[in-house]
C-alpha atoms as a PDB file:
ATOM      1  CA  MET A   1      62.447 118.607 128.132  1.00  0.00           C
ATOM      2  CA  GLY A   2      64.905 120.371 126.417  1.00  0.00           C
ATOM      3  CA  LYS A   3      67.731 119.638 128.626  1.00  0.00           C
ATOM      4  CA  TYR A   4      66.911 115.781 128.122  1.00  0.00           C
ATOM      5  CA  ILE A   5      67.166 115.947 124.488  1.00  0.00           C
ATOM      6  CA  PHE A   6      70.305 117.726 125.077  1.00  0.00           C
ATOM      7  CA  PHE A   7      71.871 115.419 127.016  1.00  0.00           C
ATOM      8  CA  GLY A   8      70.715 112.756 124.932  1.00  0.00           C
ATOM      9  CA  LEU A   9      71.936 113.942 122.063  1.00  0.00           C
ATOM     10  CA  LEU A  10      75.308 114.303 123.437  1.00  0.00           C
ATOM     11  CA  ILE A  11      75.860 110.712 125.171  1.00  0.00           C
ATOM     12  CA  PHE A  12      74.487 109.733 121.826  1.00  0.00           C
ATOM     13  CA  LEU A  13      77.152 111.795 119.774  1.00  0.00           C
ATOM     14  CA  VAL A  14      79.912 110.577 122.334  1.00  0.00           C
ATOM     15  CA  LEU A  15      79.092 106.876 122.041  1.00  0.00           C
ATOM     16  CA  LEU A  16      79.120 107.245 118.159  1.00  0.00           C
ATOM     17  CA  GLY A  17      82.718 108.596 118.392  1.00  0.00           C
ATOM     18  CA  ALA A  18      83.341 106.010 120.398  1.00  0.00           C
ATOM     19  CA  LEU A  19      82.229 103.385 118.001  1.00  0.00           C
ATOM     20  CA  LEU A  20      83.820 105.415 114.852  1.00  0.00           C
ATOM     21  CA  THR A  21      87.459 105.439 116.661  1.00  0.00           C
ATOM     22  CA  TRP A  22      87.138 101.384 117.886  1.00  0.00           C
ATOM     23  CA  LYS A  23      86.231 100.684 114.078  1.00  0.00           C
ATOM     24  CA  ARG A  24      89.036 102.672 112.685  1.00  0.00           C
ATOM     25  CA  MET A  25      91.351 101.118 115.264  1.00  0.00           C
ATOM     26  CA  ASP A  26      90.220  98.065 114.505  1.00  0.00           C
ATOM     27  CA  GLU A  27      90.670  98.574 110.632  1.00  0.00           C
ATOM     28  CA  LYS A  28      94.144  99.401 111.237  1.00  0.00           C
ATOM     29  CA  LYS A  29      95.063  96.395 113.173  1.00  0.00           C
ATOM     30  CA  VAL A  30      93.642  94.333 110.204  1.00  0.00           C
ATOM     31  CA  LEU A  31      95.910  96.039 107.422  1.00  0.00           C
ATOM     32  CA  ALA A  32      98.635  95.689 109.630  1.00  0.00           C
ATOM     33  CA  GLU A  33      98.201  91.850 109.603  1.00  0.00           C
ATOM     34  CA  ILE A  34      97.806  92.400 105.974  1.00  0.00           C
ATOM     35  CA  HIS A  35     100.773  93.955 105.111  1.00  0.00           C
ATOM     36  CA  GLN A  36     102.444  91.755 107.810  1.00  0.00           C
ATOM     37  CA  SER A  37     102.772  88.626 105.109  1.00  0.00           C
ATOM     38  CA  ILE A  38     104.102  88.723 101.759  1.00  0.00           C
ATOM     39  CA  PRO A  39     101.246  87.658  99.468  1.00  0.00           C
ATOM     40  CA  SER A  40     102.160  85.067  96.598  1.00  0.00           C
ATOM     41  CA  ILE A  41     101.344  87.344  93.546  1.00  0.00           C
ATOM     42  CA  GLU A  42     102.272  86.736  90.211  1.00  0.00           C
ATOM     43  CA  PHE A  43     103.826  89.745  88.271  1.00  0.00           C
ATOM     44  CA  SER A  44     105.491  90.494  84.912  1.00  0.00           C
ATOM     45  CA  SER A  45     108.966  92.167  84.731  1.00  0.00           C
ATOM     46  CA  LEU A  46     110.449  94.303  82.361  1.00  0.00           C
ATOM     47  CA  ASP A  47     111.442  91.682  80.295  1.00  0.00           C
ATOM     48  CA  GLU A  48     108.189  90.305  80.277  1.00  0.00           C
ATOM     49  CA  LYS A  49     108.750  86.965  82.816  1.00  0.00           C
ATOM     50  CA  SER A  50     106.612  86.200  85.472  1.00  0.00           C
ATOM     51  CA  VAL A  51     107.870  86.848  89.002  1.00  0.00           C
ATOM     52  CA  ASN A  52     106.472  86.127  92.383  1.00  0.00           C
ATOM     53  CA  LEU A  53     106.447  88.780  94.795  1.00  0.00           C
ATOM     54  CA  SER A  54     107.166  86.261  97.874  1.00  0.00           C
ATOM     55  CA  THR A  55     110.540  85.120  96.550  1.00  0.00           C
ATOM     56  CA  LEU A  56     112.153  88.523  96.303  1.00  0.00           C
ATOM     57  CA  ILE A  57     111.330  89.632  99.791  1.00  0.00           C
ATOM     58  CA  GLY A  58     113.198  88.497 102.873  1.00  0.00           C
ATOM     59  CA  ARG A  59     116.598  88.142 100.860  1.00  0.00           C
ATOM     60  CA  SER A  60     117.944  91.076 102.260  1.00  0.00           C
ATOM     61  CA  LEU A  61     116.604  94.411 103.155  1.00  0.00           C
ATOM     62  CA  SER A  62     113.314  95.039 100.947  1.00  0.00           C
ATOM     63  CA  LEU A  63     111.453  98.083 100.243  1.00  0.00           C
ATOM     64  CA  VAL A  64     108.362  97.422  98.245  1.00  0.00           C
ATOM     65  CA  VAL A  65     107.218 100.650  96.372  1.00  0.00           C
ATOM     66  CA  TYR A  66     103.633 100.633  94.716  1.00  0.00           C
ATOM     67  CA  PHE A  67     103.504 103.550  92.330  1.00  0.00           C
ATOM     68  CA  ASN A  68     101.621 104.900  89.242  1.00  0.00           C
ATOM     69  CA  SER A  69     103.633 106.557  86.774  1.00  0.00           C
ATOM     70  CA  THR A  70     101.581 109.301  86.217  1.00  0.00           C
ATOM     71  CA  CYS A  71     101.409 110.429  89.572  1.00  0.00           C
ATOM     72  CA  PRO A  72     102.907 113.590  90.905  1.00  0.00           C
ATOM     73  CA  LEU A  73     103.731 112.026  94.255  1.00  0.00           C
ATOM     74  CA  CYS A  74     105.270 109.299  92.898  1.00  0.00           C
ATOM     75  CA  GLN A  75     107.751 110.817  90.519  1.00  0.00           C
ATOM     76  CA  SER A  76     108.890 113.101  93.389  1.00  0.00           C
ATOM     77  CA  GLU A  77     109.637 110.071  95.651  1.00  0.00           C
ATOM     78  CA  ALA A  78     111.036 108.495  92.855  1.00  0.00           C
ATOM     79  CA  GLU A  79     113.638 111.463  92.906  1.00  0.00           C
ATOM     80  CA  LEU A  80     114.183 111.019  96.787  1.00  0.00           C
ATOM     81  CA  LEU A  81     114.839 107.464  96.607  1.00  0.00           C
ATOM     82  CA  VAL A  82     117.466 108.002  93.602  1.00  0.00           C
ATOM     83  CA  THR A  83     118.830 110.833  95.518  1.00  0.00           C
ATOM     84  CA  HIS A  84     119.309 109.255  99.185  1.00  0.00           C
ATOM     85  CA  PHE A  85     119.872 105.802  97.932  1.00  0.00           C
ATOM     86  CA  GLN A  86     121.735 105.229  94.863  1.00  0.00           C
ATOM     87  CA  ASP A  87     124.774 103.805  96.448  1.00  0.00           C
ATOM     88  CA  ARG A  88     123.208 101.410  98.916  1.00  0.00           C
ATOM     89  CA  GLU A  89     123.854  98.087  98.309  1.00  0.00           C
ATOM     90  CA  ASN A  90     122.081  96.153 101.134  1.00  0.00           C
ATOM     91  CA  LEU A  91     118.859  97.078 100.021  1.00  0.00           C
ATOM     92  CA  ASP A  92     116.566  95.873  97.351  1.00  0.00           C
ATOM     93  CA  PHE A  93     113.955  98.181  95.877  1.00  0.00           C
ATOM     94  CA  ILE A  94     110.864  96.337  94.331  1.00  0.00           C
ATOM     95  CA  PHE A  95     108.803  98.829  92.451  1.00  0.00           C
ATOM     96  CA  ILE A  96     105.485  97.368  91.452  1.00  0.00           C
ATOM     97  CA  PHE A  97     103.567  99.667  89.087  1.00  0.00           C
ATOM     98  CA  SER A  98      99.840  99.293  88.122  1.00  0.00           C
ATOM     99  CA  GLU A  99     100.881 100.260  84.297  1.00  0.00           C
ATOM    100  CA  PRO A 100     102.011  97.706  81.538  1.00  0.00           C
ATOM    101  CA  VAL A 101     105.584  97.300  81.281  1.00  0.00           C
ATOM    102  CA  ALA A 102     106.255 100.048  78.152  1.00  0.00           C
ATOM    103  CA  GLU A 103     105.170 103.001  80.452  1.00  0.00           C
ATOM    104  CA  ILE A 104     107.039 101.417  83.124  1.00  0.00           C
ATOM    105  CA  ARG A 105     110.699 101.708  81.260  1.00  0.00           C
ATOM    106  CA  GLY A 106     109.709 104.944  80.595  1.00  0.00           C
ATOM    107  CA  PHE A 107     109.098 106.180  84.096  1.00  0.00           C
ATOM    108  CA  LYS A 108     112.339 104.407  85.097  1.00  0.00           C
ATOM    109  CA  GLU A 109     114.375 106.106  82.449  1.00  0.00           C
ATOM    110  CA  SER A 110     112.669 109.528  82.790  1.00  0.00           C
ATOM    111  CA  ASN A 111     113.283 109.236  87.072  1.00  0.00           C
ATOM    112  CA  HIS A 112     116.765 107.759  86.634  1.00  0.00           C
ATOM    113  CA  LEU A 113     115.589 104.701  88.629  1.00  0.00           C
ATOM    114  CA  GLU A 114     118.557 102.528  86.831  1.00  0.00           C
ATOM    115  CA  LYS A 115     120.607 104.356  89.123  1.00  0.00           C
ATOM    116  CA  LEU A 116     119.543 101.978  92.316  1.00  0.00           C
ATOM    117  CA  GLU A 117     121.436  99.163  92.853  1.00  0.00           C
ATOM    118  CA  ASN A 118     119.191  95.713  93.597  1.00  0.00           C
ATOM    119  CA  VAL A 119     116.271  96.702  91.734  1.00  0.00           C
ATOM    120  CA  VAL A 120     113.193  95.042  90.039  1.00  0.00           C
ATOM    121  CA  PHE A 121     110.188  96.507  88.196  1.00  0.00           C
ATOM    122  CA  LEU A 122     107.028  94.858  88.126  1.00  0.00           C
ATOM    123  CA  SER A 123     103.896  95.523  86.130  1.00  0.00           C
ATOM    124  CA  ASP A 124     100.511  94.840  88.012  1.00  0.00           C
ATOM    125  CA  THR A 125      97.980  95.681  85.668  1.00  0.00           C
ATOM    126  CA  LEU A 126      95.388  93.508  87.293  1.00  0.00           C
ATOM    127  CA  PHE A 127      96.062  95.595  90.808  1.00  0.00           C
ATOM    128  CA  GLN A 128      96.599  92.665  92.651  1.00  0.00           C
ATOM    129  CA  PHE A 129      98.809  93.873  95.167  1.00  0.00           C
ATOM    130  CA  ALA A 130      96.563  96.850  95.665  1.00  0.00           C
ATOM    131  CA  HIS A 131      93.721  94.409  96.257  1.00  0.00           C
ATOM    132  CA  ALA A 132      95.902  92.121  98.837  1.00  0.00           C
ATOM    133  CA  PHE A 133      97.309  94.870 100.469  1.00  0.00           C
ATOM    134  CA  LYS A 134      93.811  96.934 100.610  1.00  0.00           C
ATOM    135  CA  LEU A 135      95.752 100.121  99.460  1.00  0.00           C
ATOM    136  CA  PRO A 136      93.374 103.245  98.667  1.00  0.00           C
ATOM    137  CA  GLY A 137      95.889 104.736  96.133  1.00  0.00           C
ATOM    138  CA  THR A 138      99.581 105.556  95.272  1.00  0.00           C
ATOM    139  CA  PRO A 139     102.287 106.191  96.450  1.00  0.00           C
ATOM    140  CA  ALA A 140     102.273 103.066  99.161  1.00  0.00           C
ATOM    141  CA  THR A 141     106.080 102.063 100.529  1.00  0.00           C
ATOM    142  CA  PHE A 142     106.744  99.162 102.568  1.00  0.00           C
ATOM    143  CA  LEU A 143     110.235  97.980 104.437  1.00  0.00           C
ATOM    144  CA  TYR A 144     110.564  94.410 105.004  1.00  0.00           C
ATOM    145  CA  ASP A 145     113.323  92.989 107.069  1.00  0.00           C
ATOM    146  CA  THR A 146     115.737  89.788 105.364  1.00  0.00           C
ATOM    147  CA  GLU A 147     113.320  87.640 107.155  1.00  0.00           C
ATOM    148  CA  GLY A 148     110.534  89.051 105.589  1.00  0.00           C
ATOM    149  CA  LYS A 149     108.783  90.985 108.320  1.00  0.00           C
ATOM    150  CA  LEU A 150     107.084  94.339 107.819  1.00  0.00           C
ATOM    151  CA  VAL A 151     109.632  96.820 109.634  1.00  0.00           C
ATOM    152  CA  LYS A 152     108.030 100.112 108.288  1.00  0.00           C
ATOM    153  CA  GLU A 153     104.372 101.054 106.248  1.00  0.00           C
ATOM    154  CA  PHE A 154     103.936 104.643 104.361  1.00  0.00           C
ATOM    155  CA  MET A 155     100.390 105.024 102.742  1.00  0.00           C
ATOM    156  CA  GLY A 156     100.932 108.117 100.578  1.00  0.00           C
ATOM    157  CA  THR A 157     104.335 109.517 100.756  1.00  0.00           C
ATOM    158  CA  PHE A 158     106.642 108.500 102.961  1.00  0.00           C
ATOM    159  CA  ASN A 159     108.837 110.530 105.196  1.00  0.00           C
ATOM    160  CA  MET A 160     112.498 110.257 104.327  1.00  0.00           C
ATOM    161  CA  GLN A 161     113.855 110.661 107.970  1.00  0.00           C
ATOM    162  CA  GLU A 162     111.456 108.120 109.153  1.00  0.00           C
ATOM    163  CA  LEU A 163     112.547 105.898 106.007  1.00  0.00           C
ATOM    164  CA  LYS A 164     116.271 106.546 106.786  1.00  0.00           C
ATOM    165  CA  ASP A 165     115.931 105.754 110.507  1.00  0.00           C
ATOM    166  CA  ALA A 166     114.128 102.846 110.044  1.00  0.00           C
ATOM    167  CA  ILE A 167     116.285 101.328 107.420  1.00  0.00           C
ATOM    168  CA  ALA A 168     119.445 102.228 110.285  1.00  0.00           C
ATOM    169  CA  GLU A 169     117.324 100.473 113.378  1.00  0.00           C
ATOM    170  CA  VAL A 170     117.517  97.006 110.891  1.00  0.00           C
ATOM    171  CA  ASN A 171     120.658  97.433 109.797  1.00  0.00           C
ATOM    172  CA  GLY A 172     122.065  98.336 113.345  1.00  0.00           C
ATOM    173  CA  ASP A 173     123.765 101.751 112.099  1.00  0.00           C
END
């Protein structure tokens, strides 16, 4: 009798594991589809003007970075982006912060983000981007090609070499 309970429990656990794996794969597929399309969301720029995200992506290679100025990972990534991409002209940087414009200005200055070419800073105090992209937190980074198609995404910290490789692949380097 004990063997039957053991095997029954074993079969149950295997089926449960398979179900959870399938659900996770399905969720990743749904998220990939969501991240592929550019939502039409209005944000505030540093000069307090309304900017629609969909008008910024697709003009050139675009790196969309969702940040929070108090996040230590975000601060570290900002430093890496400036160090590795400050001379890159064919890459647009779109920083979306979940904070007011005044805090974004301070983060921009303290992390020397003005050294980047083609950079836009947007405020999303209503968390529209996080909601539309179903983001669990910051940072999140998305690389879009010149046609507005998602090339690479990083949830949490990005891997600099993977990011550089993705940019080089799109540019044909």
